[in-house]
């Protein structure tokens, strides 16, 4: 992985999107299982079409940039309350949603991961995987799919970006 500047993140993502590259991103907290830094947030960009990975360390979460990235990646409707998802496709998403709603109401910071089938962090290679690290309860909730979990993804992303910086 190559370190880049924060201002390069959106530029790279937009270039990849325009070129129809297969890409995605991760926002890792300092205590995240997948973060190499234990005192910094990390934003990771992966372009799996060209086997490129970039990262940037920051002192705080980058929710504003994350919102732009998730809308670029999945479409602008993904975060709209009025376009709320249907019932969960996976039983663990129901648990994740309940936990996320509870933590949001208490203003407790939380995060999740959406591992694309070819993601460097995905131990379920070839499958979609949504993971929530619940530090308060010491749980790792996981939902694995054969196809892109559009509705479940919509619900968990909406709740994640309702959090405040």
C-alpha atoms as a PDB file:
ATOM      1  CA  UNK A   1       0.000   0.000   0.000  1.00  0.00           C
ATOM      2  CA  UNK A   2       1.121   3.499  -0.778  1.00  0.00           C
ATOM      3  CA  UNK A   3       0.514   6.486   1.510  1.00  0.00           C
ATOM      4  CA  UNK A   4      -1.192   9.490  -0.090  1.00  0.00           C
ATOM      5  CA  UNK A   5      -2.442  12.885   1.019  1.00  0.00           C
ATOM      6  CA  UNK A   6      -6.056  13.272   2.159  1.00  0.00           C
ATOM      7  CA  UNK A   7      -6.823  15.664  -0.705  1.00  0.00           C
ATOM      8  CA  UNK A   8      -5.904  12.913  -3.218  1.00  0.00           C
ATOM      9  CA  UNK A   9      -8.554  10.471  -1.970  1.00  0.00           C
ATOM     10  CA  UNK A  10     -11.577  11.894  -3.795  1.00  0.00           C
ATOM     11  CA  UNK A  11      -9.540  12.599  -6.919  1.00  0.00           C
ATOM     12  CA  UNK A  12      -8.412   8.966  -7.185  1.00  0.00           C
ATOM     13  CA  UNK A  13     -11.900   7.621  -6.469  1.00  0.00           C
ATOM     14  CA  UNK A  14     -13.480   9.882  -9.109  1.00  0.00           C
ATOM     15  CA  UNK A  15     -10.850   8.858 -11.667  1.00  0.00           C
ATOM     16  CA  UNK A  16     -11.498   5.179 -10.960  1.00  0.00           C
ATOM     17  CA  UNK A  17     -15.261   5.630 -11.123  1.00  0.00           C
ATOM     18  CA  UNK A  18     -15.009   7.463 -14.458  1.00  0.00           C
ATOM     19  CA  UNK A  19     -12.720   4.734 -15.826  1.00  0.00           C
ATOM     20  CA  UNK A  20     -15.178   2.067 -14.551  1.00  0.00           C
ATOM     21  CA  UNK A  21     -12.546   0.481 -12.319  1.00  0.00           C
ATOM     22  CA  UNK A  22     -13.607  -1.911  -9.575  1.00  0.00           C
ATOM     23  CA  UNK A  23     -12.814   0.004  -6.384  1.00  0.00           C
ATOM     24  CA  UNK A  24     -13.945   0.514  -2.812  1.00  0.00           C
ATOM     25  CA  UNK A  25     -12.749   2.078   0.422  1.00  0.00           C
ATOM     26  CA  UNK A  26     -12.414   1.494   4.154  1.00  0.00           C
ATOM     27  CA  UNK A  27     -12.563   3.873   7.090  1.00  0.00           C
ATOM     28  CA  UNK A  28     -10.643   2.247   9.940  1.00  0.00           C
ATOM     29  CA  UNK A  29     -10.739   3.502  13.527  1.00  0.00           C
ATOM     30  CA  UNK A  30      -7.601   3.400  15.699  1.00  0.00           C
ATOM     31  CA  UNK A  31      -8.904   0.302  17.532  1.00  0.00           C
ATOM     32  CA  UNK A  32     -10.109  -1.457  14.363  1.00  0.00           C
ATOM     33  CA  UNK A  33      -8.959  -5.041  13.839  1.00  0.00           C
ATOM     34  CA  UNK A  34      -7.688  -4.133  10.371  1.00  0.00           C
ATOM     35  CA  UNK A  35      -5.856  -0.882  11.177  1.00  0.00           C
ATOM     36  CA  UNK A  36      -2.056  -1.026  11.316  1.00  0.00           C
ATOM     37  CA  UNK A  37      -1.985   2.190  13.360  1.00  0.00           C
ATOM     38  CA  UNK A  38      -3.242   2.028  16.942  1.00  0.00           C
ATOM     39  CA  UNK A  39      -3.469   5.799  17.395  1.00  0.00           C
ATOM     40  CA  UNK A  40      -4.695   7.109  14.011  1.00  0.00           C
ATOM     41  CA  UNK A  41      -7.730   6.705  11.825  1.00  0.00           C
ATOM     42  CA  UNK A  42      -6.940   5.228   8.442  1.00  0.00           C
ATOM     43  CA  UNK A  43      -8.763   5.701   5.170  1.00  0.00           C
ATOM     44  CA  UNK A  44      -7.888   2.970   2.659  1.00  0.00           C
ATOM     45  CA  UNK A  45      -8.686   3.034  -1.065  1.00  0.00           C
ATOM     46  CA  UNK A  46      -8.544  -0.192  -3.068  1.00  0.00           C
ATOM     47  CA  UNK A  47      -8.611  -0.401  -6.858  1.00  0.00           C
ATOM     48  CA  UNK A  48      -8.904  -4.136  -7.437  1.00  0.00           C
ATOM     49  CA  UNK A  49      -9.028  -3.720 -11.222  1.00  0.00           C
ATOM     50  CA  UNK A  50      -5.384  -2.630 -11.196  1.00  0.00           C
ATOM     51  CA  UNK A  51      -4.329  -4.149  -7.857  1.00  0.00           C
ATOM     52  CA  UNK A  52      -3.629  -0.727  -6.309  1.00  0.00           C
ATOM     53  CA  UNK A  53      -4.081   0.250  -2.661  1.00  0.00           C
ATOM     54  CA  UNK A  54      -3.597   3.622  -1.024  1.00  0.00           C
ATOM     55  CA  UNK A  55      -4.011   4.859   2.537  1.00  0.00           C
ATOM     56  CA  UNK A  56      -3.965   8.034   4.569  1.00  0.00           C
ATOM     57  CA  UNK A  57      -3.706   8.384   8.350  1.00  0.00           C
ATOM     58  CA  UNK A  58      -5.719  11.101  10.096  1.00  0.00           C
ATOM     59  CA  UNK A  59      -6.355  12.267  13.645  1.00  0.00           C
ATOM     60  CA  UNK A  60     -10.152  12.034  13.283  1.00  0.00           C
ATOM     61  CA  UNK A  61     -12.785  10.170  11.314  1.00  0.00           C
ATOM     62  CA  UNK A  62     -13.381  11.553   7.861  1.00  0.00           C
ATOM     63  CA  UNK A  63     -17.175  11.160   7.658  1.00  0.00           C
ATOM     64  CA  UNK A  64     -17.616  14.011   5.157  1.00  0.00           C
ATOM     65  CA  UNK A  65     -15.189  12.397   2.711  1.00  0.00           C
ATOM     66  CA  UNK A  66     -16.678   8.983   3.473  1.00  0.00           C
ATOM     67  CA  UNK A  67     -20.159  10.245   2.554  1.00  0.00           C
ATOM     68  CA  UNK A  68     -18.881  11.465  -0.795  1.00  0.00           C
ATOM     69  CA  UNK A  69     -17.077   8.181  -1.423  1.00  0.00           C
ATOM     70  CA  UNK A  70     -20.044   5.960  -0.513  1.00  0.00           C
ATOM     71  CA  UNK A  71     -22.350   8.002  -2.763  1.00  0.00           C
ATOM     72  CA  UNK A  72     -19.836   7.880  -5.611  1.00  0.00           C
ATOM     73  CA  UNK A  73     -19.487   4.118  -5.171  1.00  0.00           C
ATOM     74  CA  UNK A  74     -23.134   3.125  -4.601  1.00  0.00           C
ATOM     75  CA  UNK A  75     -25.143   6.097  -5.894  1.00  0.00           C
ATOM     76  CA  UNK A  76     -26.487   9.183  -4.161  1.00  0.00           C
ATOM     77  CA  UNK A  77     -29.676   7.480  -2.930  1.00  0.00           C
ATOM     78  CA  UNK A  78     -27.779   5.151  -0.601  1.00  0.00           C
ATOM     79  CA  UNK A  79     -27.942   7.590   2.324  1.00  0.00           C
ATOM     80  CA  UNK A  80     -31.456   8.965   1.812  1.00  0.00           C
ATOM     81  CA  UNK A  81     -33.830   8.384   4.719  1.00  0.00           C
ATOM     82  CA  UNK A  82     -36.807   8.457   2.328  1.00  0.00           C
ATOM     83  CA  UNK A  83     -35.290   5.608   0.327  1.00  0.00           C
ATOM     84  CA  UNK A  84     -35.003   3.361   3.384  1.00  0.00           C
ATOM     85  CA  UNK A  85     -34.146  -0.265   2.788  1.00  0.00           C
ATOM     86  CA  UNK A  86     -36.605  -3.125   3.027  1.00  0.00           C
ATOM     87  CA  UNK A  87     -36.392  -5.890   5.632  1.00  0.00           C
ATOM     88  CA  UNK A  88     -32.892  -7.294   6.232  1.00  0.00           C
ATOM     89  CA  UNK A  89     -31.783 -10.080   3.902  1.00  0.00           C
ATOM     90  CA  UNK A  90     -29.431 -11.578   6.491  1.00  0.00           C
ATOM     91  CA  UNK A  91     -30.365 -12.290  10.147  1.00  0.00           C
ATOM     92  CA  UNK A  92     -27.172 -10.682  11.462  1.00  0.00           C
ATOM     93  CA  UNK A  93     -28.004  -7.401   9.715  1.00  0.00           C
ATOM     94  CA  UNK A  94     -31.066  -7.140  11.941  1.00  0.00           C
ATOM     95  CA  UNK A  95     -28.718  -7.367  14.956  1.00  0.00           C
ATOM     96  CA  UNK A  96     -26.292  -4.852  13.422  1.00  0.00           C
ATOM     97  CA  UNK A  97     -29.088  -2.384  12.683  1.00  0.00           C
ATOM     98  CA  UNK A  98     -30.505  -2.650  16.212  1.00  0.00           C
ATOM     99  CA  UNK A  99     -27.053  -2.177  17.729  1.00  0.00           C
ATOM    100  CA  UNK A 100     -26.234   0.750  15.393  1.00  0.00           C
ATOM    101  CA  UNK A 101     -29.537   2.479  16.206  1.00  0.00           C
ATOM    102  CA  UNK A 102     -28.869   2.038  19.929  1.00  0.00           C
ATOM    103  CA  UNK A 103     -25.310   3.378  19.692  1.00  0.00           C
ATOM    104  CA  UNK A 104     -26.413   6.297  17.490  1.00  0.00           C
ATOM    105  CA  UNK A 105     -29.078   7.259  20.032  1.00  0.00           C
ATOM    106  CA  UNK A 106     -26.434   7.225  22.784  1.00  0.00           C
ATOM    107  CA  UNK A 107     -23.879   9.026  20.582  1.00  0.00           C
ATOM    108  CA  UNK A 108     -21.472   6.083  20.844  1.00  0.00           C
ATOM    109  CA  UNK A 109     -19.065   5.868  17.919  1.00  0.00           C
ATOM    110  CA  UNK A 110     -19.141   2.608  15.941  1.00  0.00           C
ATOM    111  CA  UNK A 111     -17.996   1.292  12.598  1.00  0.00           C
ATOM    112  CA  UNK A 112     -18.528  -1.517  10.164  1.00  0.00           C
ATOM    113  CA  UNK A 113     -16.852  -2.935   7.080  1.00  0.00           C
ATOM    114  CA  UNK A 114     -18.186  -3.830   3.670  1.00  0.00           C
ATOM    115  CA  UNK A 115     -15.769  -6.319   2.194  1.00  0.00           C
ATOM    116  CA  UNK A 116     -16.139  -6.686  -1.542  1.00  0.00           C
ATOM    117  CA  UNK A 117     -15.505 -10.230  -2.875  1.00  0.00           C
ATOM    118  CA  UNK A 118     -11.894  -9.412  -3.837  1.00  0.00           C
ATOM    119  CA  UNK A 119     -11.101  -7.111  -0.882  1.00  0.00           C
ATOM    120  CA  UNK A 120      -7.683  -7.435   0.782  1.00  0.00           C
ATOM    121  CA  UNK A 121      -9.322  -7.712   4.228  1.00  0.00           C
ATOM    122  CA  UNK A 122     -12.011 -10.237   3.269  1.00  0.00           C
ATOM    123  CA  UNK A 123     -11.459 -13.742   4.618  1.00  0.00           C
ATOM    124  CA  UNK A 124     -14.571 -14.857   2.674  1.00  0.00           C
ATOM    125  CA  UNK A 125     -12.875 -14.508  -0.725  1.00  0.00           C
ATOM    126  CA  UNK A 126     -15.345 -14.380  -3.593  1.00  0.00           C
ATOM    127  CA  UNK A 127     -18.274 -13.403  -1.356  1.00  0.00           C
ATOM    128  CA  UNK A 128     -19.628 -10.095  -0.048  1.00  0.00           C
ATOM    129  CA  UNK A 129     -19.160  -9.649   3.676  1.00  0.00           C
ATOM    130  CA  UNK A 130     -20.546  -6.976   6.025  1.00  0.00           C
ATOM    131  CA  UNK A 131     -18.822  -6.926   9.415  1.00  0.00           C
ATOM    132  CA  UNK A 132     -19.585  -4.849  12.506  1.00  0.00           C
ATOM    133  CA  UNK A 133     -17.007  -4.599  15.266  1.00  0.00           C
ATOM    134  CA  UNK A 134     -18.994  -4.127  18.471  1.00  0.00           C
ATOM    135  CA  UNK A 135     -16.296  -3.150  20.960  1.00  0.00           C
ATOM    136  CA  UNK A 136     -18.784  -2.534  23.800  1.00  0.00           C
ATOM    137  CA  UNK A 137     -20.102  -6.098  23.693  1.00  0.00           C
ATOM    138  CA  UNK A 138     -16.882  -7.691  22.468  1.00  0.00           C
ATOM    139  CA  UNK A 139     -18.650  -9.115  19.416  1.00  0.00           C
ATOM    140  CA  UNK A 140     -17.838  -9.345  15.761  1.00  0.00           C
ATOM    141  CA  UNK A 141     -21.102  -9.549  13.815  1.00  0.00           C
ATOM    142  CA  UNK A 142     -20.783 -10.850  10.277  1.00  0.00           C
ATOM    143  CA  UNK A 143     -23.161 -11.247   7.333  1.00  0.00           C
ATOM    144  CA  UNK A 144     -21.882 -13.019   4.215  1.00  0.00           C
ATOM    145  CA  UNK A 145     -23.580 -13.046   0.796  1.00  0.00           C
ATOM    146  CA  UNK A 146     -23.135 -14.578  -2.654  1.00  0.00           C
ATOM    147  CA  UNK A 147     -24.380 -11.397  -4.375  1.00  0.00           C
ATOM    148  CA  UNK A 148     -24.123  -7.695  -3.561  1.00  0.00           C
ATOM    149  CA  UNK A 149     -26.381  -7.062  -0.526  1.00  0.00           C
ATOM    150  CA  UNK A 150     -27.908  -3.833  -1.853  1.00  0.00           C
ATOM    151  CA  UNK A 151     -30.761  -3.470   0.655  1.00  0.00           C
ATOM    152  CA  UNK A 152     -28.736  -4.475   3.723  1.00  0.00           C
ATOM    153  CA  UNK A 153     -25.890  -2.238   2.608  1.00  0.00           C
ATOM    154  CA  UNK A 154     -28.269   0.702   2.215  1.00  0.00           C
ATOM    155  CA  UNK A 155     -29.523   0.347   5.791  1.00  0.00           C
ATOM    156  CA  UNK A 156     -26.148  -0.055   7.494  1.00  0.00           C
ATOM    157  CA  UNK A 157     -24.512   2.767   5.489  1.00  0.00           C
ATOM    158  CA  UNK A 158     -27.375   5.154   6.242  1.00  0.00           C
ATOM    159  CA  UNK A 159     -27.029   4.482   9.967  1.00  0.00           C
ATOM    160  CA  UNK A 160     -23.239   4.803   9.889  1.00  0.00           C
ATOM    161  CA  UNK A 161     -23.333   8.224   8.246  1.00  0.00           C
ATOM    162  CA  UNK A 162     -25.981   9.499  10.663  1.00  0.00           C
ATOM    163  CA  UNK A 163     -23.171   9.632  13.231  1.00  0.00           C
ATOM    164  CA  UNK A 164     -21.460  12.933  13.938  1.00  0.00           C
ATOM    165  CA  UNK A 165     -17.730  13.604  13.519  1.00  0.00           C
END
